[in-house]
C-alpha atoms as a PDB file:
ATOM      1  CA  MET A   1    -133.167  34.926  22.348  1.00  0.00           C
ATOM      2  CA  SER A   2    -140.332  42.996  22.517  1.00  0.00           C
ATOM      3  CA  VAL A   3    -139.955  46.177  24.009  1.00  0.00           C
ATOM      4  CA  LEU A   4    -142.185  46.249  26.825  1.00  0.00           C
ATOM      5  CA  SER A   5    -144.869  48.587  27.835  1.00  0.00           C
ATOM      6  CA  THR A   6    -144.462  50.777  30.985  1.00  0.00           C
ATOM      7  CA  ALA A   7    -146.953  48.667  32.946  1.00  0.00           C
ATOM      8  CA  THR A   8    -145.174  45.448  31.839  1.00  0.00           C
ATOM      9  CA  LYS A   9    -141.634  46.886  32.839  1.00  0.00           C
ATOM     10  CA  THR A  10    -143.135  47.828  36.228  1.00  0.00           C
ATOM     11  CA  LEU A  11    -144.271  44.222  36.675  1.00  0.00           C
ATOM     12  CA  ALA A  12    -141.085  42.819  35.570  1.00  0.00           C
ATOM     13  CA  LEU A  13    -139.177  45.145  38.083  1.00  0.00           C
ATOM     14  CA  ILE A  14    -141.402  43.923  40.739  1.00  0.00           C
ATOM     15  CA  ALA A  15    -140.860  40.276  39.814  1.00  0.00           C
ATOM     16  CA  ALA A  16    -137.114  40.908  39.632  1.00  0.00           C
ATOM     17  CA  THR A  17    -137.055  42.475  43.167  1.00  0.00           C
ATOM     18  CA  ALA A  18    -139.068  39.668  44.562  1.00  0.00           C
ATOM     19  CA  LEU A  19    -136.430  37.108  43.160  1.00  0.00           C
ATOM     20  CA  LEU A  20    -133.790  39.020  44.958  1.00  0.00           C
ATOM     21  CA  VAL A  21    -135.728  39.254  48.152  1.00  0.00           C
ATOM     22  CA  THR A  22    -136.634  35.528  48.344  1.00  0.00           C
ATOM     23  CA  GLY A  23    -133.176  34.236  47.181  1.00  0.00           C
ATOM     24  CA  CYS A  24    -134.454  32.159  44.336  1.00  0.00           C
ATOM     25  CA  SER A  25    -132.122  29.717  42.642  1.00  0.00           C
ATOM     26  CA  VAL A  26    -130.971  30.101  38.984  1.00  0.00           C
ATOM     27  CA  LYS A  27    -133.617  27.505  37.835  1.00  0.00           C
ATOM     28  CA  GLN A  28    -136.391  29.124  39.807  1.00  0.00           C
ATOM     29  CA  GLU A  29    -135.509  32.321  38.302  1.00  0.00           C
ATOM     30  CA  GLY A  30    -135.584  30.870  34.704  1.00  0.00           C
ATOM     31  CA  ALA A  31    -139.091  29.367  35.474  1.00  0.00           C
ATOM     32  CA  SER A  32    -140.414  32.704  36.364  1.00  0.00           C
ATOM     33  CA  THR A  33    -139.074  34.278  33.285  1.00  0.00           C
ATOM     34  CA  ALA A  34    -140.533  31.656  31.234  1.00  0.00           C
ATOM     35  CA  SER A  35    -144.118  32.168  32.730  1.00  0.00           C
ATOM     36  CA  SER A  36    -144.155  35.747  31.509  1.00  0.00           C
ATOM     37  CA  THR A  37    -143.516  34.697  28.017  1.00  0.00           C
ATOM     38  CA  SER A  38    -146.977  33.366  27.183  1.00  0.00           C
ATOM     39  CA  ALA A  39    -148.336  36.708  28.482  1.00  0.00           C
ATOM     40  CA  GLU A  40    -145.980  38.628  26.302  1.00  0.00           C
ATOM     41  CA  LYS A  41    -146.777  36.309  23.151  1.00  0.00           C
ATOM     42  CA  SER A  42    -150.527  37.132  23.790  1.00  0.00           C
ATOM     43  CA  SER A  43    -149.768  40.825  23.976  1.00  0.00           C
ATOM     44  CA  SER A  44    -147.954  40.683  20.854  1.00  0.00           C
ATOM     45  CA  ALA A  45    -150.601  38.879  19.043  1.00  0.00           C
ATOM     46  CA  SER A  46    -153.216  41.440  20.326  1.00  0.00           C
ATOM     47  CA  ALA A  47    -151.087  44.368  19.164  1.00  0.00           C
ATOM     48  CA  SER A  48    -150.590  42.867  15.667  1.00  0.00           C
ATOM     49  CA  ALA A  49    -154.074  43.851  14.917  1.00  0.00           C
ATOM     50  CA  ASP A  50    -152.973  47.357  14.507  1.00  0.00           C
ATOM     51  CA  VAL A  51    -150.274  46.631  12.057  1.00  0.00           C
ATOM     52  CA  PRO A  52    -150.586  48.435   8.764  1.00  0.00           C
ATOM     53  CA  SER A  53    -151.198  46.471   5.521  1.00  0.00           C
ATOM     54  CA  LEU A  54    -148.178  45.478   3.218  1.00  0.00           C
ATOM     55  CA  ASP A  55    -150.378  45.535   0.222  1.00  0.00           C
ATOM     56  CA  GLY A  56    -148.266  46.497  -2.871  1.00  0.00           C
ATOM     57  CA  LYS A  57    -145.008  45.863  -1.041  1.00  0.00           C
ATOM     58  CA  THR A  58    -142.346  43.212  -1.871  1.00  0.00           C
ATOM     59  CA  ILE A  59    -140.254  42.151   1.028  1.00  0.00           C
ATOM     60  CA  GLY A  60    -137.023  40.246   0.516  1.00  0.00           C
ATOM     61  CA  VAL A  61    -136.132  37.602   2.988  1.00  0.00           C
ATOM     62  CA  ALA A  62    -132.542  36.245   3.363  1.00  0.00           C
ATOM     63  CA  ALA A  63    -131.959  33.362   5.707  1.00  0.00           C
ATOM     64  CA  LYS A  64    -128.417  31.886   6.374  1.00  0.00           C
ATOM     65  CA  ASP A  65    -130.021  28.300   6.642  1.00  0.00           C
ATOM     66  CA  VAL A  66    -133.187  26.553   7.259  1.00  0.00           C
ATOM     67  CA  VAL A  67    -131.542  23.476   8.615  1.00  0.00           C
ATOM     68  CA  ARG A  68    -132.006  24.184  12.291  1.00  0.00           C
ATOM     69  CA  ASP A  69    -135.440  24.551  13.829  1.00  0.00           C
ATOM     70  CA  PHE A  70    -134.539  28.232  14.816  1.00  0.00           C
ATOM     71  CA  GLY A  71    -133.701  29.240  11.183  1.00  0.00           C
ATOM     72  CA  ARG A  72    -136.490  27.340   9.542  1.00  0.00           C
ATOM     73  CA  LEU A  73    -139.231  28.558  11.863  1.00  0.00           C
ATOM     74  CA  THR A  74    -138.123  32.102  11.862  1.00  0.00           C
ATOM     75  CA  TYR A  75    -137.910  32.004   7.924  1.00  0.00           C
ATOM     76  CA  GLU A  76    -141.336  30.648   7.797  1.00  0.00           C
ATOM     77  CA  GLY A  77    -142.757  33.038  10.438  1.00  0.00           C
ATOM     78  CA  VAL A  78    -141.545  36.130   8.419  1.00  0.00           C
ATOM     79  CA  GLN A  79    -143.056  34.894   5.255  1.00  0.00           C
ATOM     80  CA  ASP A  80    -146.354  33.756   6.602  1.00  0.00           C
ATOM     81  CA  ARG A  81    -146.822  37.152   8.342  1.00  0.00           C
ATOM     82  CA  VAL A  82    -145.867  39.240   5.303  1.00  0.00           C
ATOM     83  CA  LYS A  83    -148.438  37.377   3.198  1.00  0.00           C
ATOM     84  CA  GLU A  84    -151.022  37.654   5.915  1.00  0.00           C
ATOM     85  CA  LEU A  85    -150.566  41.437   5.720  1.00  0.00           C
ATOM     86  CA  GLY A  86    -150.997  41.338   2.084  1.00  0.00           C
ATOM     87  CA  GLY A  87    -147.310  41.683   0.876  1.00  0.00           C
ATOM     88  CA  LYS A  88    -145.455  39.645  -1.505  1.00  0.00           C
ATOM     89  CA  VAL A  89    -142.325  37.733  -0.395  1.00  0.00           C
ATOM     90  CA  VAL A  90    -138.976  37.159  -2.274  1.00  0.00           C
ATOM     91  CA  ALA A  91    -137.374  34.367  -0.031  1.00  0.00           C
ATOM     92  CA  THR A  92    -133.803  32.975  -0.166  1.00  0.00           C
ATOM     93  CA  GLN A  93    -131.655  30.852   2.052  1.00  0.00           C
ATOM     94  CA  ALA A  94    -128.012  30.288   1.820  1.00  0.00           C
ATOM     95  CA  ASP A  95    -127.520  26.529   2.902  1.00  0.00           C
ATOM     96  CA  ALA A  96    -125.294  27.854   5.769  1.00  0.00           C
ATOM     97  CA  GLN A  97    -122.850  29.220   3.225  1.00  0.00           C
ATOM     98  CA  ASP A  98    -121.533  32.687   3.877  1.00  0.00           C
ATOM     99  CA  ASP A  99    -120.784  33.591   0.226  1.00  0.00           C
ATOM    100  CA  LYS A 100    -124.289  32.574  -0.801  1.00  0.00           C
ATOM    101  CA  HIS A 101    -126.023  34.533   1.884  1.00  0.00           C
ATOM    102  CA  ILE A 102    -124.142  37.570   0.854  1.00  0.00           C
ATOM    103  CA  ALA A 103    -125.057  36.927  -2.901  1.00  0.00           C
ATOM    104  CA  ASN A 104    -128.651  36.556  -1.819  1.00  0.00           C
ATOM    105  CA  VAL A 105    -128.832  39.868  -0.083  1.00  0.00           C
ATOM    106  CA  GLU A 106    -127.178  41.666  -3.096  1.00  0.00           C
ATOM    107  CA  ASN A 107    -129.554  39.894  -5.290  1.00  0.00           C
ATOM    108  CA  LEU A 108    -132.491  41.187  -3.236  1.00  0.00           C
ATOM    109  CA  ILE A 109    -130.918  44.763  -3.432  1.00  0.00           C
ATOM    110  CA  SER A 110    -130.744  44.414  -7.329  1.00  0.00           C
ATOM    111  CA  GLN A 111    -134.364  43.604  -7.402  1.00  0.00           C
ATOM    112  CA  GLY A 112    -135.354  46.699  -5.700  1.00  0.00           C
ATOM    113  CA  VAL A 113    -137.577  45.143  -3.029  1.00  0.00           C
ATOM    114  CA  ASP A 114    -139.250  47.448  -0.565  1.00  0.00           C
ATOM    115  CA  ALA A 115    -137.456  46.038   2.567  1.00  0.00           C
ATOM    116  CA  ILE A 116    -135.080  43.145   3.390  1.00  0.00           C
ATOM    117  CA  VAL A 117    -135.346  40.877   6.459  1.00  0.00           C
ATOM    118  CA  VAL A 118    -131.931  39.120   7.162  1.00  0.00           C
ATOM    119  CA  ILE A 119    -131.859  36.236   9.348  1.00  0.00           C
ATOM    120  CA  LEU A 120    -128.565  35.333  11.072  1.00  0.00           C
ATOM    121  CA  GLY A 121    -125.247  35.618   9.510  1.00  0.00           C
ATOM    122  CA  ASP A 122    -121.517  36.436  10.315  1.00  0.00           C
ATOM    123  CA  THR A 123    -121.032  39.989  11.339  1.00  0.00           C
ATOM    124  CA  VAL A 124    -117.674  40.341   9.585  1.00  0.00           C
ATOM    125  CA  THR A 125    -118.535  38.813   6.227  1.00  0.00           C
ATOM    126  CA  LEU A 126    -122.062  40.065   5.804  1.00  0.00           C
ATOM    127  CA  GLU A 127    -121.586  43.651   6.996  1.00  0.00           C
ATOM    128  CA  PRO A 128    -120.543  44.925   3.245  1.00  0.00           C
ATOM    129  CA  ALA A 129    -123.744  43.535   1.922  1.00  0.00           C
ATOM    130  CA  LEU A 130    -125.804  45.160   4.529  1.00  0.00           C
ATOM    131  CA  LYS A 131    -124.088  48.540   3.891  1.00  0.00           C
ATOM    132  CA  LYS A 132    -125.119  48.213   0.241  1.00  0.00           C
ATOM    133  CA  ALA A 133    -128.705  47.779   1.140  1.00  0.00           C
ATOM    134  CA  HIS A 134    -128.444  50.762   3.375  1.00  0.00           C
ATOM    135  CA  ASP A 135    -126.825  52.784   0.611  1.00  0.00           C
ATOM    136  CA  ALA A 136    -129.393  51.707  -1.942  1.00  0.00           C
ATOM    137  CA  GLY A 137    -131.955  53.069   0.563  1.00  0.00           C
ATOM    138  CA  ILE A 138    -133.702  49.866   1.127  1.00  0.00           C
ATOM    139  CA  PRO A 139    -134.787  49.461   4.871  1.00  0.00           C
ATOM    140  CA  LEU A 140    -132.943  46.554   6.465  1.00  0.00           C
ATOM    141  CA  PHE A 141    -134.433  44.463   9.143  1.00  0.00           C
ATOM    142  CA  THR A 142    -132.336  41.895  10.918  1.00  0.00           C
ATOM    143  CA  ILE A 143    -132.970  38.795  13.271  1.00  0.00           C
ATOM    144  CA  ASP A 144    -130.286  37.787  15.623  1.00  0.00           C
ATOM    145  CA  HIS A 145    -127.862  40.079  13.684  1.00  0.00           C
ATOM    146  CA  ALA A 146    -127.315  43.407  15.163  1.00  0.00           C
ATOM    147  CA  SER A 147    -125.985  45.866  12.557  1.00  0.00           C
ATOM    148  CA  PRO A 148    -125.455  49.533  12.393  1.00  0.00           C
ATOM    149  CA  TYR A 149    -127.283  49.386   9.049  1.00  0.00           C
ATOM    150  CA  SER A 150    -130.409  47.730  10.542  1.00  0.00           C
ATOM    151  CA  VAL A 151    -133.552  49.744  11.204  1.00  0.00           C
ATOM    152  CA  ASN A 152    -134.560  46.924  13.669  1.00  0.00           C
ATOM    153  CA  ASN A 153    -133.058  43.843  15.012  1.00  0.00           C
ATOM    154  CA  ILE A 154    -135.078  41.073  16.732  1.00  0.00           C
ATOM    155  CA  GLY A 155    -133.515  38.873  19.266  1.00  0.00           C
ATOM    156  CA  SER A 156    -133.415  37.422  22.703  1.00  0.00           C
ATOM    157  CA  ASP A 157    -131.781  39.081  25.510  1.00  0.00           C
ATOM    158  CA  ASN A 158    -128.543  37.193  24.885  1.00  0.00           C
ATOM    159  CA  TRP A 159    -127.002  38.904  28.010  1.00  0.00           C
ATOM    160  CA  GLN A 160    -129.636  37.203  30.187  1.00  0.00           C
ATOM    161  CA  ILE A 161    -129.408  34.039  28.176  1.00  0.00           C
ATOM    162  CA  GLY A 162    -125.652  33.933  28.606  1.00  0.00           C
ATOM    163  CA  SER A 163    -125.433  34.715  32.305  1.00  0.00           C
ATOM    164  CA  THR A 164    -128.214  32.428  33.285  1.00  0.00           C
ATOM    165  CA  LEU A 165    -126.628  29.493  31.324  1.00  0.00           C
ATOM    166  CA  ALA A 166    -123.218  30.277  32.762  1.00  0.00           C
ATOM    167  CA  ARG A 167    -124.635  30.588  36.347  1.00  0.00           C
ATOM    168  CA  THR A 168    -126.814  27.482  35.977  1.00  0.00           C
ATOM    169  CA  LEU A 169    -123.802  25.462  34.871  1.00  0.00           C
ATOM    170  CA  ALA A 170    -121.587  26.831  37.595  1.00  0.00           C
ATOM    171  CA  GLU A 171    -124.124  26.138  40.337  1.00  0.00           C
ATOM    172  CA  ASP A 172    -124.844  22.657  39.031  1.00  0.00           C
ATOM    173  CA  ILE A 173    -121.262  21.544  39.419  1.00  0.00           C
ATOM    174  CA  GLY A 174    -120.848  23.182  42.731  1.00  0.00           C
ATOM    175  CA  GLY A 175    -118.798  26.157  41.839  1.00  0.00           C
ATOM    176  CA  GLU A 176    -115.741  23.945  41.091  1.00  0.00           C
ATOM    177  CA  GLY A 177    -114.538  21.870  38.143  1.00  0.00           C
ATOM    178  CA  GLU A 178    -113.414  21.870  34.556  1.00  0.00           C
ATOM    179  CA  VAL A 179    -115.497  23.032  31.653  1.00  0.00           C
ATOM    180  CA  LEU A 180    -115.013  22.034  27.916  1.00  0.00           C
ATOM    181  CA  VAL A 181    -116.231  24.816  25.674  1.00  0.00           C
ATOM    182  CA  PHE A 182    -117.210  25.140  22.046  1.00  0.00           C
ATOM    183  CA  ASN A 183    -116.372  28.305  20.535  1.00  0.00           C
ATOM    184  CA  GLY A 184    -116.315  28.267  16.787  1.00  0.00           C
ATOM    185  CA  PHE A 185    -118.751  31.247  16.055  1.00  0.00           C
ATOM    186  CA  TYR A 186    -117.620  34.231  18.059  1.00  0.00           C
ATOM    187  CA  ASP A 187    -118.311  36.515  15.255  1.00  0.00           C
ATOM    188  CA  VAL A 188    -121.965  35.558  15.276  1.00  0.00           C
ATOM    189  CA  VAL A 189    -123.383  38.191  17.700  1.00  0.00           C
ATOM    190  CA  PRO A 190    -125.628  36.039  19.918  1.00  0.00           C
ATOM    191  CA  CYS A 191    -122.720  33.486  20.375  1.00  0.00           C
ATOM    192  CA  GLN A 192    -120.405  36.334  21.111  1.00  0.00           C
ATOM    193  CA  ILE A 193    -122.689  37.742  23.702  1.00  0.00           C
ATOM    194  CA  ARG A 194    -123.251  34.361  25.429  1.00  0.00           C
ATOM    195  CA  TYR A 195    -119.743  33.493  25.352  1.00  0.00           C
ATOM    196  CA  ASP A 196    -118.522  36.939  26.885  1.00  0.00           C
ATOM    197  CA  GLU A 197    -121.219  36.499  29.770  1.00  0.00           C
ATOM    198  CA  PHE A 198    -119.897  33.032  30.289  1.00  0.00           C
ATOM    199  CA  LYS A 199    -116.461  34.281  30.939  1.00  0.00           C
ATOM    200  CA  LEU A 200    -117.737  37.175  32.966  1.00  0.00           C
ATOM    201  CA  VAL A 201    -119.800  34.816  35.265  1.00  0.00           C
ATOM    202  CA  LEU A 202    -116.951  32.628  35.808  1.00  0.00           C
ATOM    203  CA  LYS A 203    -115.011  35.501  37.384  1.00  0.00           C
ATOM    204  CA  ASN A 204    -116.939  34.946  40.401  1.00  0.00           C
ATOM    205  CA  TYR A 205    -116.431  31.080  40.381  1.00  0.00           C
ATOM    206  CA  PRO A 206    -112.604  31.048  40.770  1.00  0.00           C
ATOM    207  CA  GLY A 207    -112.793  27.225  41.315  1.00  0.00           C
ATOM    208  CA  ILE A 208    -114.161  26.720  37.700  1.00  0.00           C
ATOM    209  CA  LYS A 209    -111.581  26.637  34.882  1.00  0.00           C
ATOM    210  CA  THR A 210    -112.089  26.034  31.216  1.00  0.00           C
ATOM    211  CA  ILE A 211    -110.233  23.373  29.296  1.00  0.00           C
ATOM    212  CA  GLU A 212    -107.745  24.312  26.654  1.00  0.00           C
ATOM    213  CA  PRO A 213    -107.739  24.349  23.652  1.00  0.00           C
ATOM    214  CA  GLU A 214    -111.437  25.282  23.312  1.00  0.00           C
ATOM    215  CA  LEU A 215    -113.181  23.211  20.663  1.00  0.00           C
ATOM    216  CA  GLN A 216    -114.195  24.645  17.275  1.00  0.00           C
ATOM    217  CA  ASP A 217    -117.769  23.757  16.340  1.00  0.00           C
ATOM    218  CA  VAL A 218    -118.699  23.523  12.574  1.00  0.00           C
ATOM    219  CA  TYR A 219    -121.977  24.654  10.702  1.00  0.00           C
ATOM    220  CA  GLU A 220    -122.378  21.462   8.739  1.00  0.00           C
ATOM    221  CA  GLY A 221    -122.374  17.990  10.246  1.00  0.00           C
ATOM    222  CA  THR A 222    -122.385  19.655  13.558  1.00  0.00           C
ATOM    223  CA  ILE A 223    -123.679  16.918  15.765  1.00  0.00           C
ATOM    224  CA  GLU A 224    -121.342  14.247  14.353  1.00  0.00           C
ATOM    225  CA  HIS A 225    -118.296  16.482  14.398  1.00  0.00           C
ATOM    226  CA  ALA A 226    -118.958  17.649  18.058  1.00  0.00           C
ATOM    227  CA  LYS A 227    -119.453  13.987  19.131  1.00  0.00           C
ATOM    228  CA  ASN A 228    -116.228  12.831  17.597  1.00  0.00           C
ATOM    229  CA  GLN A 229    -114.305  15.727  19.124  1.00  0.00           C
ATOM    230  CA  VAL A 230    -115.834  15.061  22.702  1.00  0.00           C
ATOM    231  CA  THR A 231    -115.168  11.379  22.242  1.00  0.00           C
ATOM    232  CA  ASP A 232    -111.526  12.136  21.646  1.00  0.00           C
ATOM    233  CA  VAL A 233    -111.371  14.503  24.638  1.00  0.00           C
ATOM    234  CA  LEU A 234    -112.984  11.733  26.957  1.00  0.00           C
ATOM    235  CA  THR A 235    -110.275   9.372  25.931  1.00  0.00           C
ATOM    236  CA  ARG A 236    -107.543  11.877  27.077  1.00  0.00           C
ATOM    237  CA  LEU A 237    -109.268  13.207  30.156  1.00  0.00           C
ATOM    238  CA  SER A 238    -110.115  11.264  33.372  1.00  0.00           C
ATOM    239  CA  GLU A 239    -113.239  11.267  35.205  1.00  0.00           C
ATOM    240  CA  ASP A 240    -112.002  14.217  37.438  1.00  0.00           C
ATOM    241  CA  GLU A 241    -110.761  16.338  34.615  1.00  0.00           C
ATOM    242  CA  ILE A 242    -113.907  17.322  32.942  1.00  0.00           C
ATOM    243  CA  ASP A 243    -117.094  18.164  34.586  1.00  0.00           C
ATOM    244  CA  ALA A 244    -119.234  20.027  32.148  1.00  0.00           C
ATOM    245  CA  VAL A 245    -119.625  21.084  28.460  1.00  0.00           C
ATOM    246  CA  TRP A 246    -120.777  24.608  27.254  1.00  0.00           C
ATOM    247  CA  SER A 247    -121.977  25.637  23.827  1.00  0.00           C
ATOM    248  CA  CYS A 248    -123.762  28.776  22.836  1.00  0.00           C
ATOM    249  CA  TRP A 249    -126.141  26.486  20.690  1.00  0.00           C
ATOM    250  CA  ASP A 250    -127.734  23.089  20.858  1.00  0.00           C
ATOM    251  CA  LEU A 251    -126.381  21.072  18.129  1.00  0.00           C
ATOM    252  CA  PRO A 252    -122.595  20.780  19.359  1.00  0.00           C
ATOM    253  CA  SER A 253    -124.215  19.915  22.770  1.00  0.00           C
ATOM    254  CA  ILE A 254    -126.266  17.239  21.337  1.00  0.00           C
ATOM    255  CA  GLY A 255    -123.179  15.414  19.924  1.00  0.00           C
ATOM    256  CA  ALA A 256    -121.330  16.155  23.105  1.00  0.00           C
ATOM    257  CA  ALA A 257    -124.212  14.487  25.134  1.00  0.00           C
ATOM    258  CA  GLN A 258    -124.288  11.533  22.881  1.00  0.00           C
ATOM    259  CA  ALA A 259    -120.605  10.915  23.434  1.00  0.00           C
ATOM    260  CA  ILE A 260    -120.756  11.356  26.988  1.00  0.00           C
ATOM    261  CA  ASP A 261    -123.758   9.179  27.389  1.00  0.00           C
ATOM    262  CA  ALA A 262    -122.223   6.447  25.171  1.00  0.00           C
ATOM    263  CA  ALA A 263    -118.948   6.613  27.565  1.00  0.00           C
ATOM    264  CA  GLY A 264    -121.065   6.442  30.638  1.00  0.00           C
ATOM    265  CA  ARG A 265    -119.345   9.542  32.135  1.00  0.00           C
ATOM    266  CA  ASP A 266    -120.781  11.903  34.745  1.00  0.00           C
ATOM    267  CA  VAL A 267    -120.435  15.238  32.678  1.00  0.00           C
ATOM    268  CA  LYS A 268    -123.151  17.817  32.566  1.00  0.00           C
ATOM    269  CA  VAL A 269    -124.098  19.350  29.149  1.00  0.00           C
ATOM    270  CA  TYR A 270    -125.472  22.946  28.381  1.00  0.00           C
ATOM    271  CA  GLY A 271    -126.750  24.632  25.268  1.00  0.00           C
ATOM    272  CA  VAL A 272    -129.274  27.121  23.776  1.00  0.00           C
ATOM    273  CA  ASP A 273    -132.092  26.855  21.142  1.00  0.00           C
ATOM    274  CA  ALA A 274    -134.266  23.996  22.444  1.00  0.00           C
ATOM    275  CA  GLU A 275    -133.622  21.771  19.306  1.00  0.00           C
ATOM    276  CA  PRO A 276    -135.896  18.736  19.338  1.00  0.00           C
ATOM    277  CA  GLY A 277    -132.872  16.404  19.854  1.00  0.00           C
ATOM    278  CA  ALA A 278    -131.755  18.543  22.816  1.00  0.00           C
ATOM    279  CA  LEU A 279    -135.118  18.316  24.328  1.00  0.00           C
ATOM    280  CA  ASP A 280    -135.194  14.601  23.874  1.00  0.00           C
ATOM    281  CA  LEU A 281    -132.046  14.325  25.769  1.00  0.00           C
ATOM    282  CA  ILE A 282    -133.051  16.604  28.516  1.00  0.00           C
ATOM    283  CA  ALA A 283    -136.397  14.719  29.008  1.00  0.00           C
ATOM    284  CA  ASP A 284    -134.225  11.524  29.447  1.00  0.00           C
ATOM    285  CA  PRO A 285    -133.239  11.318  33.162  1.00  0.00           C
ATOM    286  CA  GLU A 286    -130.272   9.278  32.266  1.00  0.00           C
ATOM    287  CA  SER A 287    -128.791  11.706  29.784  1.00  0.00           C
ATOM    288  CA  SER A 288    -126.096  14.217  30.495  1.00  0.00           C
ATOM    289  CA  PHE A 289    -127.946  16.966  28.797  1.00  0.00           C
ATOM    290  CA  GLN A 290    -129.137  19.451  31.560  1.00  0.00           C
ATOM    291  CA  PHE A 291    -130.310  22.756  30.258  1.00  0.00           C
ATOM    292  CA  THR A 292    -131.374  24.542  27.032  1.00  0.00           C
ATOM    293  CA  VAL A 293    -133.100  27.920  26.054  1.00  0.00           C
ATOM    294  CA  ALA A 294    -136.323  28.134  23.939  1.00  0.00           C
ATOM    295  CA  GLN A 295    -136.459  31.414  21.847  1.00  0.00           C
ATOM    296  CA  GLN A 296    -139.785  31.126  20.049  1.00  0.00           C
ATOM    297  CA  PRO A 297    -138.345  31.642  16.432  1.00  0.00           C
ATOM    298  CA  SER A 298    -141.882  31.854  14.735  1.00  0.00           C
ATOM    299  CA  LEU A 299    -142.556  34.815  17.085  1.00  0.00           C
ATOM    300  CA  PHE A 300    -139.204  36.151  15.848  1.00  0.00           C
ATOM    301  CA  GLY A 301    -140.333  36.145  12.421  1.00  0.00           C
ATOM    302  CA  THR A 302    -143.738  37.547  12.960  1.00  0.00           C
ATOM    303  CA  THR A 303    -142.530  40.291  15.188  1.00  0.00           C
ATOM    304  CA  SER A 304    -139.980  41.393  12.356  1.00  0.00           C
ATOM    305  CA  ALA A 305    -142.649  41.465   9.714  1.00  0.00           C
ATOM    306  CA  ASP A 306    -144.864  43.520  11.993  1.00  0.00           C
ATOM    307  CA  ASN A 307    -141.959  45.921  12.360  1.00  0.00           C
ATOM    308  CA  VAL A 308    -141.407  46.051   8.579  1.00  0.00           C
ATOM    309  CA  ALA A 309    -145.088  46.838   8.026  1.00  0.00           C
ATOM    310  CA  ARG A 310    -145.109  49.610  10.848  1.00  0.00           C
ATOM    311  CA  TYR A 311    -141.950  51.184   9.179  1.00  0.00           C
ATOM    312  CA  LEU A 312    -143.110  51.090   5.659  1.00  0.00           C
ATOM    313  CA  GLY A 313    -146.726  52.134   6.839  1.00  0.00           C
ATOM    314  CA  GLY A 314    -145.486  55.592   8.233  1.00  0.00           C
ATOM    315  CA  GLN A 315    -145.145  54.348  11.795  1.00  0.00           C
ATOM    316  CA  GLU A 316    -141.373  54.720  12.030  1.00  0.00           C
ATOM    317  CA  ASP A 317    -141.473  56.023  15.563  1.00  0.00           C
ATOM    318  CA  GLU A 318    -143.041  52.871  16.701  1.00  0.00           C
ATOM    319  CA  VAL A 319    -140.133  50.680  15.422  1.00  0.00           C
ATOM    320  CA  PRO A 320    -137.401  50.438  18.071  1.00  0.00           C
ATOM    321  CA  LEU A 321    -133.684  49.854  17.325  1.00  0.00           C
ATOM    322  CA  SER A 322    -133.837  46.487  19.125  1.00  0.00           C
ATOM    323  CA  THR A 323    -136.667  44.425  19.992  1.00  0.00           C
ATOM    324  CA  TYR A 324    -136.038  41.702  22.625  1.00  0.00           C
ATOM    325  CA  LEU A 325    -138.314  38.713  22.941  1.00  0.00           C
ATOM    326  CA  GLU A 326    -138.103  36.867  26.312  1.00  0.00           C
ATOM    327  CA  ALA A 327    -136.484  33.375  26.441  1.00  0.00           C
ATOM    328  CA  VAL A 328    -137.722  30.170  28.129  1.00  0.00           C
ATOM    329  CA  PHE A 329    -135.371  28.358  30.214  1.00  0.00           C
ATOM    330  CA  ILE A 330    -135.735  24.571  30.115  1.00  0.00           C
ATOM    331  CA  ASP A 331    -134.139  21.907  32.371  1.00  0.00           C
ATOM    332  CA  LYS A 332    -135.032  18.370  33.392  1.00  0.00           C
ATOM    333  CA  SER A 333    -137.405  19.462  35.997  1.00  0.00           C
ATOM    334  CA  ASN A 334    -139.758  21.380  33.477  1.00  0.00           C
ATOM    335  CA  VAL A 335    -138.922  20.074  30.020  1.00  0.00           C
ATOM    336  CA  ASN A 336    -142.216  18.277  29.507  1.00  0.00           C
ATOM    337  CA  GLU A 337    -144.238  21.188  30.825  1.00  0.00           C
ATOM    338  CA  LYS A 338    -142.361  23.766  28.420  1.00  0.00           C
ATOM    339  CA  ARG A 339    -142.618  21.369  25.581  1.00  0.00           C
ATOM    340  CA  GLU A 340    -146.429  21.209  25.879  1.00  0.00           C
ATOM    341  CA  GLU A 341    -146.853  24.996  26.695  1.00  0.00           C
ATOM    342  CA  LEU A 342    -144.677  26.085  23.624  1.00  0.00           C
ATOM    343  CA  GLY A 343    -145.697  23.432  21.313  1.00  0.00           C
ATOM    344  CA  LEU A 344    -142.161  22.023  20.975  1.00  0.00           C
ATOM    345  CA  VAL A 345    -141.895  18.592  19.376  1.00  0.00           C
ATOM    346  CA  GLY A 346    -139.393  16.011  19.533  1.00  0.00           C
ATOM    347  CA  ALA A 347    -136.892  14.903  17.101  1.00  0.00           C
ATOM    348  CA  GLU A 348    -137.926  12.516  14.245  1.00  0.00           C
END
C-alpha cells in the first residue's frame, strides 16, 4: 500500500504505544490503522489546494495494465488530477505486457513530455527504460515501483502490509500448520517486500511450514489459473496437509478460495488489494477467504499527480523520495463497514 506531519507522527507513535501496552490482537491493530486512513485522506485533500498549476505542461502516464481495479483506478486518478490542475495527459497502458510497457515509456520519452508517471512494472525489465528517462532529463515519478531513477515513488507501507498479513495468517491457524504460497512475481517490488516479510514473520512461528514447491501465479487468466492449481493441490494433499493459502495480491487468492470452497475444505485464504471479488468472498461467512488490504488506488494517483505539480512548480524540496499512504486491513468482521467507508463496490 503520505509523508506525515510532525503532529500526525506524534499521534501515530502514541497510538502504536497504546497498542503495545493494551496487547491488541493483529486484527484490532489493523482496525486502528484503518481508522486513521480517513483522516489522512481528508488531510491530503486539504493540502492539495496549495498544489501549483500544471498549465502548459504535458504529463506522460504509463500503466502496466488497467485490468485490475488497482491499476485502473490509479491510472484514472493520475489523469483526472493532472487535468484538474490544468495539464495535458498522454496516457498509455500495456495490457500487462512487459515489452509493451517498456515501449510505452520509451515513446513518452521521445515525445519530450515534461514528466512521466509509471504505474507498476517488473523491476528488472523496466529499469533500462527508466534510466533513459532519467538520462533525457525527464522527471520520473513511480507508483508501487521504487527505482533509483524516480523522483518520487507512491506506495503503501508494504513492510507493514506484509508483516500484518503474515501475522494474521499465523495467528488464525494457531501458530501451526502448512501454508501454500503463490510466488510468481518476486521481482515486482511490493510482492518482494510482502514475501520477505512473510518469511521473516514465520521465523517466529516454527510450527508453520510452507508447502513446496511454491505455486507460480500468472498475470493473465490469473483467477482460473490459480483455481486449477489449487484444485490439483487439494487432490494431492489431505485435510491435515494444508491449512492456509498466501498470496501478495488478491487475484490468485480469489481462484484459490473458489477451489477450496468448491471442495468444502477447511483452508484459510489471504491476499492484498481489496479486489471486488475478494471482498465478496470475505463478506460470505461460508467462504475460505479471510483477509485482504485496501490501498486506496485513486488516492495513489492523485497524490502522484500532486507531487509532479509540486516538482515542476519549483517546490522540489516538498517532494520526498517516497510517499507512503496508509493501508486499510479488511477481514470478515469489518468488510461491510470498510466497503461503505471506502466506497468499495462488489464484483459484477
